[in-house]
Protein backbone atom coordinates (compact mmCIF):
# COMPACT_ATOMS: atom_id res chain seq x y z
CA MET A 1 -85.36 10.74 134.77
CA ALA A 2 -88.18 8.20 135.20
CA LEU A 3 -87.43 5.25 137.46
CA ARG A 4 -87.37 1.89 135.75
CA SER A 5 -90.12 -0.16 137.35
CA ILE A 6 -90.08 -3.85 138.19
CA GLU A 7 -92.06 -6.38 136.18
CA ALA A 8 -91.46 -9.31 138.54
CA ILE A 9 -89.28 -10.55 141.41
CA LEU A 10 -88.96 -14.27 140.84
CA PRO A 11 -87.96 -16.83 143.45
CA PRO A 12 -85.58 -19.65 142.47
CA ASP A 13 -87.17 -22.94 141.47
CA ASN A 14 -86.54 -26.06 139.37
CA LEU A 15 -83.47 -27.13 141.38
CA HIS A 16 -81.71 -29.93 139.51
CA PHE A 17 -78.31 -31.30 138.55
CA VAL A 18 -76.60 -30.60 135.23
CA GLY A 19 -74.36 -33.59 134.75
CA ASP A 20 -73.20 -34.78 138.17
CA GLY A 21 -71.26 -31.65 139.13
CA PHE A 22 -73.53 -28.62 138.93
CA ARG A 23 -76.57 -28.23 141.20
CA VAL A 24 -78.54 -25.40 139.62
CA TYR A 25 -81.73 -23.41 139.51
CA GLY A 26 -83.10 -22.81 136.02
CA ILE A 27 -83.59 -19.02 136.06
CA LEU A 28 -83.87 -17.77 132.46
CA GLY A 29 -85.31 -19.60 129.49
CA ARG A 30 -87.24 -22.27 131.36
CA ARG A 31 -90.45 -20.60 132.61
CA GLU A 32 -92.81 -17.67 132.22
CA PRO A 33 -92.21 -14.79 132.01
CA LEU A 34 -88.49 -15.52 131.56
CA THR A 35 -88.77 -17.25 128.20
CA MET A 36 -85.83 -17.28 125.81
CA LYS A 37 -87.13 -14.09 124.20
CA ARG A 38 -87.92 -12.00 127.28
CA MET A 39 -84.31 -11.32 128.34
CA SER A 40 -82.75 -11.53 124.85
CA PRO A 41 -79.84 -11.60 124.10
CA PHE A 42 -79.59 -13.62 127.35
CA LEU A 43 -81.43 -16.83 126.49
CA LEU A 44 -80.80 -19.06 129.46
CA MET A 45 -79.34 -18.81 132.94
CA ASP A 46 -78.50 -21.72 135.20
CA TYR A 47 -77.56 -20.56 138.68
CA ALA A 48 -75.67 -22.84 141.06
CA PRO A 49 -76.18 -21.42 144.57
CA VAL A 50 -73.60 -22.14 147.25
CA HIS A 51 -73.32 -25.92 147.68
CA TYR A 52 -70.66 -27.97 149.46
CA PHE A 53 -69.12 -30.84 147.52
CA PRO A 54 -67.20 -33.30 149.73
CA PRO A 55 -63.73 -34.55 148.75
CA ASN A 56 -63.85 -36.82 145.74
CA ASN A 57 -61.04 -39.23 144.90
CA GLY A 58 -62.63 -40.46 141.68
CA ALA A 59 -63.05 -38.71 138.35
CA PRO A 60 -63.93 -35.02 138.83
CA LEU A 61 -67.65 -34.30 138.71
CA GLY A 62 -69.07 -32.22 135.88
CA VAL A 63 -70.58 -32.37 132.41
CA GLY A 64 -69.03 -34.57 129.74
CA SER A 65 -68.40 -33.69 126.10
CA HIS A 66 -71.42 -32.10 124.42
CA PRO A 67 -72.04 -29.77 121.44
CA HIS A 68 -73.27 -26.21 120.94
CA ARG A 69 -74.05 -24.08 117.90
CA GLY A 70 -75.43 -20.55 117.50
CA ILE A 71 -74.76 -19.20 121.01
CA GLU A 72 -72.10 -18.12 123.47
CA THR A 73 -71.82 -19.77 126.89
CA VAL A 74 -70.61 -17.60 129.75
CA THR A 75 -69.60 -19.22 133.03
CA ILE A 76 -68.94 -17.03 136.08
CA ALA A 77 -67.21 -18.58 139.12
CA TYR A 78 -68.13 -17.11 142.50
CA LYS A 79 -66.81 -20.02 144.57
CA GLY A 80 -64.91 -23.13 143.56
CA LYS A 81 -62.89 -23.93 140.46
CA VAL A 82 -64.06 -25.31 137.12
CA GLU A 83 -61.96 -26.69 134.28
CA HIS A 84 -62.87 -26.41 130.59
CA ASN A 85 -61.75 -28.21 127.43
CA ASP A 86 -63.13 -27.93 123.91
CA SER A 87 -62.68 -29.22 120.39
CA THR A 88 -60.71 -26.15 119.27
CA GLY A 89 -57.94 -27.19 121.66
CA ALA A 90 -58.74 -24.39 124.09
CA GLY A 91 -58.92 -25.05 127.80
CA GLY A 92 -58.33 -23.53 131.18
CA VAL A 93 -59.34 -23.30 134.80
CA ILE A 94 -61.87 -20.75 135.98
CA GLU A 95 -60.93 -19.69 139.49
CA GLU A 96 -62.97 -17.70 141.99
CA GLY A 97 -63.97 -14.40 140.40
CA GLY A 98 -63.07 -15.56 136.89
CA ILE A 99 -65.13 -16.03 133.73
CA GLN A 100 -65.01 -18.29 130.70
CA TRP A 101 -66.70 -16.89 127.59
CA MET A 102 -67.04 -19.47 124.84
CA THR A 103 -68.36 -18.66 121.38
CA SER A 104 -69.76 -21.85 119.90
CA GLY A 105 -70.45 -20.24 116.51
CA LYS A 106 -70.70 -22.83 113.74
CA GLY A 107 -70.11 -25.68 116.15
CA ILE A 108 -68.01 -26.81 119.10
CA LEU A 109 -67.73 -29.65 121.58
CA HIS A 110 -66.81 -28.86 125.15
CA LYS A 111 -66.83 -30.27 128.65
CA GLU A 112 -66.78 -28.62 132.07
CA TYR A 113 -65.86 -30.28 135.34
CA HIS A 114 -64.57 -29.59 138.83
CA GLU A 115 -60.89 -28.67 138.75
CA LYS A 116 -58.83 -31.66 139.91
CA ASN A 117 -57.40 -30.21 143.16
CA PHE A 118 -60.75 -28.66 144.11
CA SER A 119 -62.37 -32.03 143.49
CA LYS A 120 -59.87 -33.85 145.73
CA LYS A 121 -60.15 -31.33 148.58
CA GLY A 122 -63.85 -30.56 148.27
CA GLY A 123 -65.40 -27.19 149.03
CA ASP A 124 -68.17 -24.73 148.31
CA MET A 125 -69.18 -24.10 144.70
CA GLN A 126 -71.26 -21.19 143.38
CA MET A 127 -71.56 -20.54 139.65
CA VAL A 128 -73.67 -18.87 136.97
CA GLN A 129 -73.86 -20.06 133.38
CA LEU A 130 -75.52 -17.91 130.74
CA TRP A 131 -76.39 -18.65 127.13
CA VAL A 132 -76.01 -15.49 125.05
CA ASN A 133 -77.65 -15.51 121.63
CA LEU A 134 -75.71 -14.80 118.46
CA PRO A 135 -77.31 -12.66 115.72
CA ALA A 136 -78.24 -14.62 112.59
CA LYS A 137 -75.32 -13.11 110.66
CA ASP A 138 -72.87 -14.42 113.29
CA LYS A 139 -74.29 -17.84 114.12
CA MET A 140 -71.78 -19.60 111.87
CA THR A 141 -68.77 -17.60 113.04
CA GLU A 142 -65.58 -19.44 114.00
CA PRO A 143 -65.63 -20.82 117.55
CA LYS A 144 -63.42 -19.10 120.12
CA TYR A 145 -62.72 -19.07 123.84
CA GLN A 146 -62.03 -16.15 126.19
CA ASN A 147 -60.51 -17.04 129.56
CA ILE A 148 -60.96 -13.97 131.77
CA GLU A 149 -59.27 -13.83 135.17
CA ASN A 150 -60.59 -11.62 137.94
CA LYS A 151 -57.53 -9.37 137.70
CA ASP A 152 -58.44 -8.64 134.06
CA LEU A 153 -61.85 -7.19 134.92
CA ALA A 154 -62.39 -3.45 134.88
CA LYS A 155 -63.07 -2.46 138.50
CA VAL A 156 -64.81 0.71 139.66
CA ASP A 157 -64.84 1.85 143.30
CA LEU A 158 -68.18 3.58 143.94
CA GLY A 159 -66.65 5.72 146.70
CA ASN A 160 -67.86 6.66 150.18
CA GLY A 161 -67.76 3.05 151.33
CA VAL A 162 -70.65 2.14 149.02
CA GLY A 163 -69.01 -0.78 147.23
CA SER A 164 -67.65 -1.60 143.79
CA ILE A 165 -68.49 -2.86 140.32
CA ASP A 166 -66.58 -5.50 138.36
CA ILE A 167 -67.24 -5.02 134.65
CA ILE A 168 -67.22 -8.25 132.65
CA ALA A 169 -68.70 -6.82 129.44
CA GLY A 170 -69.98 -3.41 128.43
CA GLU A 171 -69.07 -0.04 129.93
CA PHE A 172 -69.62 1.84 133.17
CA GLU A 173 -68.34 5.39 133.71
CA ASN A 174 -65.99 5.06 130.72
CA ASN A 175 -64.54 1.79 132.04
CA LYS A 176 -64.85 -1.11 129.60
CA GLY A 177 -65.00 -4.80 130.46
CA PRO A 178 -62.60 -7.25 128.76
CA ALA A 179 -65.18 -9.62 127.23
CA SER A 180 -66.08 -9.14 123.57
CA SER A 181 -69.63 -9.85 122.40
CA PHE A 182 -71.51 -9.84 119.09
CA SER A 183 -74.34 -7.54 120.19
CA PRO A 184 -74.49 -4.62 122.66
CA LEU A 185 -74.74 -5.88 126.24
CA SER A 186 -73.63 -5.16 129.78
CA LEU A 187 -72.65 -7.76 132.37
CA PHE A 188 -71.55 -6.46 135.79
CA ASN A 189 -70.94 -7.85 139.26
CA LEU A 190 -72.04 -5.24 141.79
CA LYS A 191 -70.87 -5.46 145.42
CA LEU A 192 -72.61 -3.26 148.00
CA ASN A 193 -71.85 -2.83 151.68
CA LYS A 194 -74.69 -3.17 154.18
CA GLY A 195 -76.91 -0.12 154.28
CA LYS A 196 -75.35 1.42 151.17
CA GLY A 197 -76.89 1.93 147.76
CA THR A 198 -76.34 3.15 144.24
CA SER A 199 -78.22 3.84 141.03
CA LEU A 200 -77.70 2.34 137.59
CA SER A 201 -79.06 3.36 134.22
CA PHE A 202 -79.47 1.39 130.99
CA LYS A 203 -81.23 2.12 127.73
CA GLU A 204 -84.99 1.75 128.05
CA SER A 205 -85.06 -0.57 125.03
CA HIS A 206 -82.48 -2.95 126.55
CA ASN A 207 -83.79 -5.97 128.44
CA THR A 208 -82.53 -5.63 132.00
CA GLY A 209 -82.52 -7.84 135.07
CA LEU A 210 -80.44 -8.78 138.07
CA LEU A 211 -79.69 -11.86 140.16
CA ILE A 212 -79.04 -11.52 143.89
CA THR A 213 -76.11 -13.86 144.54
CA LYS A 214 -75.48 -12.76 148.15
CA GLY A 215 -77.50 -10.89 150.77
CA ASN A 216 -80.82 -9.11 150.37
CA VAL A 217 -81.49 -5.82 148.60
CA THR A 218 -84.21 -3.21 148.17
CA ILE A 219 -84.98 -1.91 144.67
CA ASN A 220 -86.23 1.66 144.05
CA ASN A 221 -86.56 2.17 147.82
CA SER A 222 -89.71 0.06 147.81
CA GLU A 223 -89.41 -3.60 146.76
CA ARG A 224 -87.29 -6.17 148.59
CA ALA A 225 -85.37 -8.79 146.59
CA PRO A 226 -83.97 -11.69 148.67
CA THR A 227 -80.92 -13.84 148.04
CA ASN A 228 -81.10 -16.08 144.94
CA HIS A 229 -84.07 -14.17 143.49
CA PHE A 230 -84.15 -12.67 139.98
CA VAL A 231 -85.46 -9.16 139.38
CA LEU A 232 -86.94 -8.51 135.93
CA PHE A 233 -87.38 -4.86 134.95
CA LYS A 234 -89.93 -3.43 132.57
CA ASN A 235 -88.73 -1.75 129.37
CA LYS A 236 -89.97 1.57 130.63
CA GLY A 237 -87.69 4.10 132.26
CA SER A 238 -83.95 3.74 132.45
CA GLU A 239 -82.63 4.32 135.98
CA PHE A 240 -83.17 2.19 139.08
CA THR A 241 -81.71 2.15 142.59
CA ILE A 242 -80.37 -0.73 144.68
CA ARG A 243 -79.79 -0.61 148.44
CA ALA A 244 -78.10 -3.44 150.33
CA ASP A 245 -79.97 -4.68 153.40
CA ASP A 246 -76.93 -6.89 154.13
CA ASP A 247 -73.52 -7.05 152.50
CA ALA A 248 -74.70 -7.97 149.01
CA GLU A 249 -73.53 -9.09 145.58
CA ILE A 250 -75.67 -8.67 142.49
CA LEU A 251 -75.18 -9.86 138.90
CA ILE A 252 -76.49 -7.16 136.53
CA LEU A 253 -77.57 -8.06 132.98
CA SER A 254 -78.71 -5.64 130.29
CA GLY A 255 -78.65 -6.01 126.53
CA GLU A 256 -80.11 -4.97 123.22
CA PRO A 257 -82.73 -7.56 122.21
CA ILE A 258 -81.95 -9.66 119.16
CA ASP A 259 -85.32 -9.42 117.44
CA GLU A 260 -85.04 -12.54 115.30
CA PRO A 261 -86.83 -15.90 115.27
CA ILE A 262 -85.54 -18.50 117.73
CA ALA A 263 -85.44 -22.20 116.87
CA SER A 264 -83.89 -24.27 119.64
CA TYR A 265 -83.19 -27.93 120.15
CA GLY A 266 -81.15 -29.00 123.17
CA PRO A 267 -77.78 -27.24 122.99
CA PHE A 268 -78.45 -25.67 119.56
CA VAL A 269 -80.08 -22.26 119.00
CA MET A 270 -80.67 -21.17 115.41
CA ASN A 271 -83.34 -19.16 113.56
CA THR A 272 -85.26 -21.86 111.67
CA ASN A 273 -86.14 -25.52 112.07
CA ASP A 274 -84.33 -26.25 108.80
CA GLU A 275 -81.15 -24.83 110.36
CA ILE A 276 -81.68 -27.06 113.40
CA ARG A 277 -82.01 -30.14 111.17
CA GLN A 278 -78.82 -29.15 109.34
CA THR A 279 -77.07 -28.64 112.68
CA ILE A 280 -78.00 -32.14 113.83
CA ASP A 281 -76.73 -33.58 110.54
CA ASP A 282 -73.47 -31.64 110.85
CA PHE A 283 -72.98 -32.82 114.43
CA ASN A 284 -73.67 -36.44 113.55
CA SER A 285 -71.22 -36.27 110.63
CA GLY A 286 -68.36 -35.01 112.84
CA LYS A 287 -68.25 -31.40 111.66
CA PHE A 288 -68.02 -30.10 115.23
CA GLY A 289 -64.62 -31.67 115.71
CA TYR A 290 -63.60 -34.22 118.30
CA LEU A 291 -63.10 -34.22 122.05
CA ASP A 292 -62.32 -37.20 124.28
């Protein structure tokens, strides 16, 4: 089986705040070669590396009410706690190791902010938020919310002290993750012990990459990927190897590209500019619901 070669190992850049509560690097969707199309169906990734927030006795920090249409937002909590509310009435707290998977579909308002007790006590926060594209036929689906606790994830021990995989979406060795998606994709958290390694294989046609969220790793026994870097693989070959130079954690993304036009404007991702104009009209006329 041919090894899947690396296209680029990209350092983090564009550090900025989203709202007043999330200090993030813009990883996917904001620069070459990681345009919205290159890692489709994953359009955008904001990565909040470990950052200490001091105790806050005022209103919890975060992002106020804002709309989405045509995508799913996936928030993964590595450290800290985040609370969510949306215009469907759904809400919940994402705790360490948990995931919120929100389908905006035809339109939703939501807000995300530091969970109240976390905010009062302060602490380290580390998060990833992904935008996952919806196929054209599903862009106007009904909004929904999946609150996935860490205990709900499918977990695979790799044996021999190598480490483990938490499966959020997709399958690994006949173990299926709890998240449902509208197109074929895999989303795994891989944990490797220092000096140990494993191999993974995905369809050659699927766009595949990984984010190093802890430690440093070596890919294909040749190329070193440091903490907070993103590894983009070529669509040639299927299998690659990862060895941990330190105790390491890696977010693995792979998915079937959605080969459709992309028209985006702020928090809206549709297929045509006419659909974007209609989306703005629908939002302004209150069709996304209401959220204080």
